[in-house]
Amino acid sequence: MSRRPRRNHTPAFKAKVALAAVKGDRTIAQLAEQFDVHPNQIMAWKAQLEGGASEVFGSGSVTAAVPAVDVKSLHAKIGELTLENDS
């Protein structure tokens, strides 16, 4: 019995299969045959999709809450340089 070579599926393909599984209009066995993927893999992708769905609708202020640069010190430095140029 020969083994199939390892396949790497794109995130778009995984999302397509997981969404089809969540939709529920076909059984997992039918989806496995249609997409040529093992049923356990479909269930794992479905669980990942359902587990990560809350991140999609989470607040977008998380990244803006922590500035990457200390703005206060930069404004102070700009003020110092402006005073030096005016002199």
PDB file of N, CA and C in Angstrom:
ATOM      1  N   MET A   1       0.841  -1.169   0.000  1.00  0.00           N
ATOM      2  CA  MET A   1       0.000   0.000   0.000  1.00  0.00           C
ATOM      3  C   MET A   1       0.892   1.241   0.000  1.00  0.00           C
ATOM      4  N   SER A   2       0.740   2.070  -0.982  1.00  0.00           N
ATOM      5  CA  SER A   2       1.567   3.265  -1.061  1.00  0.00           C
ATOM      6  C   SER A   2       0.886   4.423  -0.343  1.00  0.00           C
ATOM      7  N   ARG A   3       1.697   5.250   0.264  1.00  0.00           N
ATOM      8  CA  ARG A   3       1.171   6.397   0.996  1.00  0.00           C
ATOM      9  C   ARG A   3       1.119   7.608   0.082  1.00  0.00           C
ATOM     10  N   ARG A   4       0.156   8.438   0.318  1.00  0.00           N
ATOM     11  CA  ARG A   4       0.017   9.692  -0.416  1.00  0.00           C
ATOM     12  C   ARG A   4       1.058  10.675   0.128  1.00  0.00           C
ATOM     13  N   PRO A   5       1.690  11.441  -0.744  1.00  0.00           N
ATOM     14  CA  PRO A   5       2.647  12.434  -0.236  1.00  0.00           C
ATOM     15  C   PRO A   5       1.928  13.517   0.587  1.00  0.00           C
ATOM     16  N   ARG A   6       2.658  14.072   1.501  1.00  0.00           N
ATOM     17  CA  ARG A   6       2.085  15.086   2.392  1.00  0.00           C
ATOM     18  C   ARG A   6       1.658  16.313   1.583  1.00  0.00           C
ATOM     19  N   ARG A   7       0.449  16.802   1.888  1.00  0.00           N
ATOM     20  CA  ARG A   7      -0.078  17.965   1.175  1.00  0.00           C
ATOM     21  C   ARG A   7      -0.168  19.149   2.127  1.00  0.00           C
ATOM     22  N   ASN A   8       0.117  20.320   1.600  1.00  0.00           N
ATOM     23  CA  ASN A   8      -0.031  21.552   2.373  1.00  0.00           C
ATOM     24  C   ASN A   8      -1.192  22.329   1.777  1.00  0.00           C
ATOM     25  N   HIS A   9      -2.221  22.516   2.587  1.00  0.00           N
ATOM     26  CA  HIS A   9      -3.408  23.217   2.121  1.00  0.00           C
ATOM     27  C   HIS A   9      -3.291  24.694   2.451  1.00  0.00           C
ATOM     28  N   THR A  10      -3.786  25.522   1.559  1.00  0.00           N
ATOM     29  CA  THR A  10      -3.754  26.960   1.775  1.00  0.00           C
ATOM     30  C   THR A  10      -4.791  27.348   2.821  1.00  0.00           C
ATOM     31  N   PRO A  11      -4.578  28.468   3.501  1.00  0.00           N
ATOM     32  CA  PRO A  11      -5.585  28.926   4.467  1.00  0.00           C
ATOM     33  C   PRO A  11      -6.948  29.165   3.826  1.00  0.00           C
ATOM     34  N   ALA A  12      -6.966  29.607   2.579  1.00  0.00           N
ATOM     35  CA  ALA A  12      -8.242  29.831   1.893  1.00  0.00           C
ATOM     36  C   ALA A  12      -8.998  28.515   1.703  1.00  0.00           C
ATOM     37  N   PHE A  13      -8.277  27.459   1.354  1.00  0.00           N
ATOM     38  CA  PHE A  13      -8.905  26.149   1.182  1.00  0.00           C
ATOM     39  C   PHE A  13      -9.451  25.639   2.513  1.00  0.00           C
ATOM     40  N   LYS A  14      -8.649  25.803   3.573  1.00  0.00           N
ATOM     41  CA  LYS A  14      -9.089  25.360   4.897  1.00  0.00           C
ATOM     42  C   LYS A  14     -10.352  26.095   5.329  1.00  0.00           C
ATOM     43  N   ALA A  15     -10.385  27.399   5.072  1.00  0.00           N
ATOM     44  CA  ALA A  15     -11.557  28.189   5.442  1.00  0.00           C
ATOM     45  C   ALA A  15     -12.785  27.752   4.651  1.00  0.00           C
ATOM     46  N   LYS A  16     -12.583  27.462   3.376  1.00  0.00           N
ATOM     47  CA  LYS A  16     -13.686  27.021   2.520  1.00  0.00           C
ATOM     48  C   LYS A  16     -14.273  25.708   3.034  1.00  0.00           C
ATOM     49  N   VAL A  17     -13.413  24.768   3.385  1.00  0.00           N
ATOM     50  CA  VAL A  17     -13.861  23.468   3.879  1.00  0.00           C
ATOM     51  C   VAL A  17     -14.533  23.627   5.243  1.00  0.00           C
ATOM     52  N   ALA A  18     -13.934  24.422   6.125  1.00  0.00           N
ATOM     53  CA  ALA A  18     -14.495  24.612   7.464  1.00  0.00           C
ATOM     54  C   ALA A  18     -15.854  25.308   7.402  1.00  0.00           C
ATOM     55  N   LEU A  19     -15.988  26.290   6.528  1.00  0.00           N
ATOM     56  CA  LEU A  19     -17.275  26.963   6.386  1.00  0.00           C
ATOM     57  C   LEU A  19     -18.348  26.024   5.840  1.00  0.00           C
ATOM     58  N   ALA A  20     -17.948  25.156   4.923  1.00  0.00           N
ATOM     59  CA  ALA A  20     -18.893  24.166   4.404  1.00  0.00           C
ATOM     60  C   ALA A  20     -19.334  23.216   5.520  1.00  0.00           C
ATOM     61  N   ALA A  21     -18.405  22.879   6.417  1.00  0.00           N
ATOM     62  CA  ALA A  21     -18.747  21.993   7.533  1.00  0.00           C
ATOM     63  C   ALA A  21     -19.663  22.703   8.527  1.00  0.00           C
ATOM     64  N   VAL A  22     -19.420  23.977   8.763  1.00  0.00           N
ATOM     65  CA  VAL A  22     -20.256  24.730   9.696  1.00  0.00           C
ATOM     66  C   VAL A  22     -21.658  24.911   9.130  1.00  0.00           C
ATOM     67  N   LYS A  23     -21.735  25.102   7.823  1.00  0.00           N
ATOM     68  CA  LYS A  23     -23.031  25.309   7.178  1.00  0.00           C
ATOM     69  C   LYS A  23     -23.957  24.129   7.453  1.00  0.00           C
ATOM     70  N   GLY A  24     -23.433  22.910   7.387  1.00  0.00           N
ATOM     71  CA  GLY A  24     -24.199  21.732   7.776  1.00  0.00           C
ATOM     72  C   GLY A  24     -25.169  21.183   6.754  1.00  0.00           C
ATOM     73  N   ASP A  25     -25.096  21.617   5.505  1.00  0.00           N
ATOM     74  CA  ASP A  25     -26.025  21.081   4.513  1.00  0.00           C
ATOM     75  C   ASP A  25     -25.563  19.725   3.972  1.00  0.00           C
ATOM     76  N   ARG A  26     -24.326  19.351   4.236  1.00  0.00           N
ATOM     77  CA  ARG A  26     -23.802  18.034   3.850  1.00  0.00           C
ATOM     78  C   ARG A  26     -23.146  17.389   5.058  1.00  0.00           C
ATOM     79  N   THR A  27     -23.028  16.081   5.028  1.00  0.00           N
ATOM     80  CA  THR A  27     -22.360  15.381   6.117  1.00  0.00           C
ATOM     81  C   THR A  27     -20.855  15.548   5.978  1.00  0.00           C
ATOM     82  N   ILE A  28     -20.157  15.261   7.061  1.00  0.00           N
ATOM     83  CA  ILE A  28     -18.690  15.356   7.045  1.00  0.00           C
ATOM     84  C   ILE A  28     -18.119  14.358   6.047  1.00  0.00           C
ATOM     85  N   ALA A  29     -18.725  13.190   5.947  1.00  0.00           N
ATOM     86  CA  ALA A  29     -18.259  12.180   4.995  1.00  0.00           C
ATOM     87  C   ALA A  29     -18.401  12.677   3.554  1.00  0.00           C
ATOM     88  N   GLN A  30     -19.502  13.351   3.269  1.00  0.00           N
ATOM     89  CA  GLN A  30     -19.690  13.895   1.921  1.00  0.00           C
ATOM     90  C   GLN A  30     -18.670  14.996   1.630  1.00  0.00           C
ATOM     91  N   LEU A  31     -18.417  15.844   2.610  1.00  0.00           N
ATOM     92  CA  LEU A  31     -17.421  16.906   2.432  1.00  0.00           C
ATOM     93  C   LEU A  31     -16.021  16.315   2.250  1.00  0.00           C
ATOM     94  N   ALA A  32     -15.720  15.255   2.997  1.00  0.00           N
ATOM     95  CA  ALA A  32     -14.414  14.618   2.880  1.00  0.00           C
ATOM     96  C   ALA A  32     -14.207  14.051   1.484  1.00  0.00           C
ATOM     97  N   GLU A  33     -15.245  13.479   0.936  1.00  0.00           N
ATOM     98  CA  GLU A  33     -15.152  12.939  -0.427  1.00  0.00           C
ATOM     99  C   GLU A  33     -15.055  14.066  -1.453  1.00  0.00           C
ATOM    100  N   GLN A  34     -15.822  15.121  -1.256  1.00  0.00           N
ATOM    101  CA  GLN A  34     -15.824  16.230  -2.205  1.00  0.00           C
ATOM    102  C   GLN A  34     -14.472  16.945  -2.244  1.00  0.00           C
ATOM    103  N   PHE A  35     -13.901  17.232  -1.065  1.00  0.00           N
ATOM    104  CA  PHE A  35     -12.661  17.997  -0.997  1.00  0.00           C
ATOM    105  C   PHE A  35     -11.419  17.127  -0.917  1.00  0.00           C
ATOM    106  N   ASP A  36     -11.592  15.807  -0.884  1.00  0.00           N
ATOM    107  CA  ASP A  36     -10.482  14.851  -0.814  1.00  0.00           C
ATOM    108  C   ASP A  36      -9.595  15.113   0.406  1.00  0.00           C
ATOM    109  N   VAL A  37     -10.264  15.234   1.568  1.00  0.00           N
ATOM    110  CA  VAL A  37      -9.599  15.470   2.841  1.00  0.00           C
ATOM    111  C   VAL A  37     -10.188  14.503   3.854  1.00  0.00           C
ATOM    112  N   HIS A  38      -9.381  14.077   4.808  1.00  0.00           N
ATOM    113  CA  HIS A  38      -9.855  13.151   5.836  1.00  0.00           C
ATOM    114  C   HIS A  38     -10.905  13.820   6.717  1.00  0.00           C
ATOM    115  N   PRO A  39     -11.942  13.087   7.121  1.00  0.00           N
ATOM    116  CA  PRO A  39     -12.992  13.670   7.965  1.00  0.00           C
ATOM    117  C   PRO A  39     -12.467  14.264   9.287  1.00  0.00           C
ATOM    118  N   ASN A  40     -11.468  13.626   9.882  1.00  0.00           N
ATOM    119  CA  ASN A  40     -10.897  14.170  11.123  1.00  0.00           C
ATOM    120  C   ASN A  40     -10.268  15.535  10.880  1.00  0.00           C
ATOM    121  N   GLN A  41      -9.663  15.717   9.714  1.00  0.00           N
ATOM    122  CA  GLN A  41      -9.056  16.999   9.385  1.00  0.00           C
ATOM    123  C   GLN A  41     -10.127  18.079   9.232  1.00  0.00           C
ATOM    124  N   ILE A  42     -11.235  17.723   8.633  1.00  0.00           N
ATOM    125  CA  ILE A  42     -12.339  18.673   8.485  1.00  0.00           C
ATOM    126  C   ILE A  42     -12.860  19.090   9.858  1.00  0.00           C
ATOM    127  N   MET A  43     -13.011  18.137  10.748  1.00  0.00           N
ATOM    128  CA  MET A  43     -13.497  18.455  12.094  1.00  0.00           C
ATOM    129  C   MET A  43     -12.503  19.353  12.833  1.00  0.00           C
ATOM    130  N   ALA A  44     -11.216  19.128  12.634  1.00  0.00           N
ATOM    131  CA  ALA A  44     -10.202  19.966  13.289  1.00  0.00           C
ATOM    132  C   ALA A  44     -10.258  21.394  12.756  1.00  0.00           C
ATOM    133  N   TRP A  45     -10.395  21.548  11.440  1.00  0.00           N
ATOM    134  CA  TRP A  45     -10.492  22.888  10.852  1.00  0.00           C
ATOM    135  C   TRP A  45     -11.770  23.590  11.294  1.00  0.00           C
ATOM    136  N   LYS A  46     -12.851  22.818  11.410  1.00  0.00           N
ATOM    137  CA  LYS A  46     -14.124  23.387  11.864  1.00  0.00           C
ATOM    138  C   LYS A  46     -13.986  23.892  13.299  1.00  0.00           C
ATOM    139  N   ALA A  47     -13.326  23.113  14.150  1.00  0.00           N
ATOM    140  CA  ALA A  47     -13.122  23.512  15.543  1.00  0.00           C
ATOM    141  C   ALA A  47     -12.239  24.758  15.622  1.00  0.00           C
ATOM    142  N   GLN A  48     -11.214  24.838  14.775  1.00  0.00           N
ATOM    143  CA  GLN A  48     -10.363  26.026  14.744  1.00  0.00           C
ATOM    144  C   GLN A  48     -11.160  27.253  14.331  1.00  0.00           C
ATOM    145  N   LEU A  49     -12.010  27.095  13.344  1.00  0.00           N
ATOM    146  CA  LEU A  49     -12.830  28.210  12.872  1.00  0.00           C
ATOM    147  C   LEU A  49     -13.779  28.680  13.964  1.00  0.00           C
ATOM    148  N   GLU A  50     -14.435  27.748  14.622  1.00  0.00           N
ATOM    149  CA  GLU A  50     -15.381  28.115  15.669  1.00  0.00           C
ATOM    150  C   GLU A  50     -14.662  28.706  16.874  1.00  0.00           C
ATOM    151  N   GLY A  51     -13.470  28.219  17.170  1.00  0.00           N
ATOM    152  CA  GLY A  51     -12.704  28.742  18.304  1.00  0.00           C
ATOM    153  C   GLY A  51     -12.138  30.130  18.047  1.00  0.00           C
ATOM    154  N   GLY A  52     -11.780  30.420  16.794  1.00  0.00           N
ATOM    155  CA  GLY A  52     -11.180  31.705  16.478  1.00  0.00           C
ATOM    156  C   GLY A  52     -12.151  32.742  15.972  1.00  0.00           C
ATOM    157  N   ALA A  53     -13.415  32.408  15.890  1.00  0.00           N
ATOM    158  CA  ALA A  53     -14.412  33.347  15.363  1.00  0.00           C
ATOM    159  C   ALA A  53     -14.571  34.563  16.264  1.00  0.00           C
ATOM    160  N   SER A  54     -14.361  34.412  17.548  1.00  0.00           N
ATOM    161  CA  SER A  54     -14.508  35.552  18.457  1.00  0.00           C
ATOM    162  C   SER A  54     -13.438  36.605  18.212  1.00  0.00           C
ATOM    163  N   GLU A  55     -12.275  36.207  17.714  1.00  0.00           N
ATOM    164  CA  GLU A  55     -11.210  37.160  17.410  1.00  0.00           C
ATOM    165  C   GLU A  55     -11.581  38.055  16.242  1.00  0.00           C
ATOM    166  N   VAL A  56     -12.385  37.545  15.331  1.00  0.00           N
ATOM    167  CA  VAL A  56     -12.791  38.329  14.177  1.00  0.00           C
ATOM    168  C   VAL A  56     -13.657  39.503  14.608  1.00  0.00           C
ATOM    169  N   PHE A  57     -14.535  39.277  15.577  1.00  0.00           N
ATOM    170  CA  PHE A  57     -15.466  40.297  16.018  1.00  0.00           C
ATOM    171  C   PHE A  57     -15.005  41.006  17.283  1.00  0.00           C
ATOM    172  N   GLY A  58     -13.755  40.781  17.678  1.00  0.00           N
ATOM    173  CA  GLY A  58     -13.227  41.445  18.864  1.00  0.00           C
ATOM    174  C   GLY A  58     -13.018  42.928  18.621  1.00  0.00           C
ATOM    175  N   SER A  59     -12.733  43.659  19.699  1.00  0.00           N
ATOM    176  CA  SER A  59     -12.546  45.104  19.565  1.00  0.00           C
ATOM    177  C   SER A  59     -11.249  45.392  18.821  1.00  0.00           C
ATOM    178  N   GLY A  60     -11.284  46.362  17.958  1.00  0.00           N
ATOM    179  CA  GLY A  60     -10.114  46.735  17.170  1.00  0.00           C
ATOM    180  C   GLY A  60      -9.184  47.667  17.911  1.00  0.00           C
ATOM    181  N   SER A  61      -9.562  48.120  19.119  1.00  0.00           N
ATOM    182  CA  SER A  61      -8.753  49.063  19.871  1.00  0.00           C
ATOM    183  C   SER A  61      -7.582  48.407  20.586  1.00  0.00           C
ATOM    184  N   VAL A  62      -7.435  47.106  20.498  1.00  0.00           N
ATOM    185  CA  VAL A  62      -6.366  46.411  21.189  1.00  0.00           C
ATOM    186  C   VAL A  62      -5.016  46.852  20.641  1.00  0.00           C
ATOM    187  N   THR A  63      -4.869  46.969  19.343  1.00  0.00           N
ATOM    188  CA  THR A  63      -3.597  47.358  18.764  1.00  0.00           C
ATOM    189  C   THR A  63      -3.330  48.842  18.959  1.00  0.00           C
ATOM    190  N   ALA A  64      -4.361  49.674  18.988  1.00  0.00           N
ATOM    191  CA  ALA A  64      -4.184  51.109  19.139  1.00  0.00           C
ATOM    192  C   ALA A  64      -3.990  51.508  20.599  1.00  0.00           C
ATOM    193  N   ALA A  65      -4.296  50.639  21.538  1.00  0.00           N
ATOM    194  CA  ALA A  65      -4.212  50.970  22.952  1.00  0.00           C
ATOM    195  C   ALA A  65      -2.769  51.151  23.412  1.00  0.00           C
ATOM    196  N   VAL A  66      -1.834  50.406  22.842  1.00  0.00           N
ATOM    197  CA  VAL A  66      -0.439  50.477  23.245  1.00  0.00           C
ATOM    198  C   VAL A  66       0.365  51.086  22.098  1.00  0.00           C
ATOM    199  N   PRO A  67       0.769  52.368  22.224  1.00  0.00           N
ATOM    200  CA  PRO A  67       1.545  52.959  21.133  1.00  0.00           C
ATOM    201  C   PRO A  67       2.937  52.340  21.069  1.00  0.00           C
ATOM    202  N   ALA A  68       3.453  52.201  19.869  1.00  0.00           N
ATOM    203  CA  ALA A  68       4.757  51.579  19.677  1.00  0.00           C
ATOM    204  C   ALA A  68       5.887  52.515  20.107  1.00  0.00           C
ATOM    205  N   VAL A  69       5.640  53.842  20.089  1.00  0.00           N
ATOM    206  CA  VAL A  69       6.656  54.825  20.414  1.00  0.00           C
ATOM    207  C   VAL A  69       6.124  55.748  21.506  1.00  0.00           C
ATOM    208  N   ASP A  70       7.004  56.217  22.371  1.00  0.00           N
ATOM    209  CA  ASP A  70       6.605  57.143  23.421  1.00  0.00           C
ATOM    210  C   ASP A  70       6.383  58.519  22.806  1.00  0.00           C
ATOM    211  N   VAL A  71       5.130  58.867  22.578  1.00  0.00           N
ATOM    212  CA  VAL A  71       4.764  60.095  21.879  1.00  0.00           C
ATOM    213  C   VAL A  71       5.141  61.326  22.703  1.00  0.00           C
ATOM    214  N   LYS A  72       5.004  61.231  24.011  1.00  0.00           N
ATOM    215  CA  LYS A  72       5.290  62.377  24.876  1.00  0.00           C
ATOM    216  C   LYS A  72       6.750  62.810  24.768  1.00  0.00           C
ATOM    217  N   SER A  73       7.656  61.850  24.781  1.00  0.00           N
ATOM    218  CA  SER A  73       9.077  62.192  24.677  1.00  0.00           C
ATOM    219  C   SER A  73       9.415  62.727  23.289  1.00  0.00           C
ATOM    220  N   LEU A  74       8.746  62.227  22.255  1.00  0.00           N
ATOM    221  CA  LEU A  74       8.995  62.733  20.908  1.00  0.00           C
ATOM    222  C   LEU A  74       8.536  64.184  20.770  1.00  0.00           C
ATOM    223  N   HIS A  75       7.400  64.526  21.361  1.00  0.00           N
ATOM    224  CA  HIS A  75       6.933  65.904  21.313  1.00  0.00           C
ATOM    225  C   HIS A  75       7.902  66.829  22.060  1.00  0.00           C
ATOM    226  N   ALA A  76       8.434  66.356  23.170  1.00  0.00           N
ATOM    227  CA  ALA A  76       9.407  67.153  23.921  1.00  0.00           C
ATOM    228  C   ALA A  76      10.664  67.388  23.084  1.00  0.00           C
ATOM    229  N   LYS A  77      11.112  66.344  22.400  1.00  0.00           N
ATOM    230  CA  LYS A  77      12.306  66.473  21.555  1.00  0.00           C
ATOM    231  C   LYS A  77      12.049  67.445  20.405  1.00  0.00           C
ATOM    232  N   ILE A  78      10.871  67.408  19.806  1.00  0.00           N
ATOM    233  CA  ILE A  78      10.526  68.333  18.716  1.00  0.00           C
ATOM    234  C   ILE A  78      10.550  69.775  19.234  1.00  0.00           C
ATOM    235  N   GLY A  79      10.026  69.976  20.422  1.00  0.00           N
ATOM    236  CA  GLY A  79      10.028  71.314  21.029  1.00  0.00           C
ATOM    237  C   GLY A  79      11.436  71.815  21.245  1.00  0.00           C
ATOM    238  N   GLU A  80      12.335  70.963  21.732  1.00  0.00           N
ATOM    239  CA  GLU A  80      13.737  71.334  21.957  1.00  0.00           C
ATOM    240  C   GLU A  80      14.400  71.710  20.632  1.00  0.00           C
ATOM    241  N   LEU A  81      14.191  70.928  19.600  1.00  0.00           N
ATOM    242  CA  LEU A  81      14.819  71.196  18.306  1.00  0.00           C
ATOM    243  C   LEU A  81      14.270  72.481  17.690  1.00  0.00           C
ATOM    244  N   THR A  82      12.999  72.740  17.900  1.00  0.00           N
ATOM    245  CA  THR A  82      12.408  73.974  17.382  1.00  0.00           C
ATOM    246  C   THR A  82      13.042  75.185  18.057  1.00  0.00           C
ATOM    247  N   LEU A  83      13.236  75.100  19.374  1.00  0.00           N
ATOM    248  CA  LEU A  83      13.879  76.194  20.106  1.00  0.00           C
ATOM    249  C   LEU A  83      15.308  76.416  19.636  1.00  0.00           C
ATOM    250  N   GLU A  84      16.036  75.325  19.357  1.00  0.00           N
ATOM    251  CA  GLU A  84      17.421  75.449  18.880  1.00  0.00           C
ATOM    252  C   GLU A  84      17.465  76.091  17.503  1.00  0.00           C
ATOM    253  N   ASN A  85      16.538  75.750  16.622  1.00  0.00           N
ATOM    254  CA  ASN A  85      16.516  76.320  15.270  1.00  0.00           C
ATOM    255  C   ASN A  85      16.133  77.789  15.285  1.00  0.00           C
ATOM    256  N   ASP A  86      15.272  78.180  16.219  1.00  0.00           N
ATOM    257  CA  ASP A  86      14.842  79.569  16.298  1.00  0.00           C
ATOM    258  C   ASP A  86      15.966  80.467  16.840  1.00  0.00           C
ATOM    259  N   SER A  87      16.877  79.918  17.603  1.00  0.00           N
ATOM    260  CA  SER A  87      17.944  80.725  18.199  1.00  0.00           C
ATOM    261  C   SER A  87      19.038  81.097  17.246  1.00  0.00           C
TER     262      SER A  87
END
